[in-house]
Amino acid sequence: MGRRSSESRPRTTIRDVARVSGFSLTTVSFVLNDAPLAQYISTATKDQIRDVALKLGYRPNVYAR
């Protein structure tokens, strides 16, 4: 009763973003967390990963950090 639609479907994870984007989990993590090693990842790759994350509705899990 009164559940939001976002609560009834599984949450998009970083693994989902990696699978759909075709990049490794590590690369996706570096980009989405703006890690220092992300400076070595091309802008095109970063843009592609961020686009997929946006399309899938990815939001970081604050408890997983």
Protein backbone atom coordinates (compact mmCIF):
# COMPACT_ATOMS: atom_id res chain seq x y z
CA MET A 1 0.00 0.00 0.00
CA GLY A 2 1.46 3.32 -1.06
CA ARG A 3 4.63 1.83 -2.52
CA ARG A 4 6.53 3.92 -4.99
CA SER A 5 7.13 2.36 -8.39
CA SER A 6 10.90 2.59 -7.86
CA GLU A 7 10.58 0.38 -4.78
CA SER A 8 8.84 -2.40 -6.68
CA ARG A 9 11.60 -2.90 -9.24
CA PRO A 10 15.18 -3.91 -8.56
CA ARG A 11 17.66 -1.11 -8.18
CA THR A 12 20.15 -0.53 -11.00
CA THR A 13 23.61 -1.52 -9.85
CA ILE A 14 27.08 -0.66 -11.05
CA ARG A 15 27.21 -4.22 -12.41
CA ASP A 16 24.21 -3.44 -14.62
CA VAL A 17 25.96 -0.35 -15.98
CA ALA A 18 29.11 -2.40 -16.69
CA ARG A 19 27.14 -5.14 -18.46
CA VAL A 20 25.15 -2.76 -20.67
CA SER A 21 28.07 -0.44 -21.44
CA GLY A 22 30.45 -3.30 -22.24
CA PHE A 23 33.18 -1.99 -19.95
CA SER A 24 34.69 -3.74 -16.96
CA LEU A 25 33.25 -3.28 -13.51
CA THR A 26 36.52 -1.64 -12.45
CA THR A 27 36.44 0.91 -15.28
CA VAL A 28 32.81 1.77 -14.58
CA SER A 29 33.55 2.12 -10.88
CA PHE A 30 36.49 4.46 -11.52
CA VAL A 31 34.35 6.66 -13.77
CA LEU A 32 31.21 6.80 -11.65
CA ASN A 33 33.15 7.37 -8.43
CA ASP A 34 35.45 9.91 -10.08
CA ALA A 35 38.45 7.98 -8.77
CA PRO A 36 41.96 9.37 -9.32
CA LEU A 37 42.76 6.60 -11.83
CA ALA A 38 39.84 7.79 -13.99
CA GLN A 39 42.21 10.42 -15.38
CA TYR A 40 43.70 7.66 -17.55
CA ILE A 41 40.34 6.74 -19.09
CA SER A 42 39.39 8.47 -22.32
CA THR A 43 36.71 11.14 -22.34
CA ALA A 44 34.72 9.14 -24.90
CA THR A 45 34.67 6.12 -22.59
CA LYS A 46 33.65 8.24 -19.60
CA ASP A 47 30.85 9.84 -21.61
CA GLN A 48 29.61 6.46 -22.80
CA ILE A 49 29.56 5.02 -19.27
CA ARG A 50 27.80 8.08 -17.86
CA ASP A 51 25.20 7.95 -20.66
CA VAL A 52 24.41 4.30 -19.90
CA ALA A 53 24.22 5.04 -16.17
CA LEU A 54 21.80 7.88 -16.84
CA LYS A 55 19.61 5.81 -19.18
CA LEU A 56 19.43 2.97 -16.67
CA GLY A 57 18.66 5.34 -13.81
CA TYR A 58 21.75 4.40 -11.82
CA ARG A 59 22.08 6.04 -8.43
CA PRO A 60 24.97 5.25 -6.08
CA ASN A 61 24.08 3.19 -3.03
CA VAL A 62 25.23 5.27 -0.07
CA TYR A 63 25.27 2.19 2.18
CA ALA A 64 27.58 0.30 -0.18
CA ARG A 65 30.23 2.99 0.06
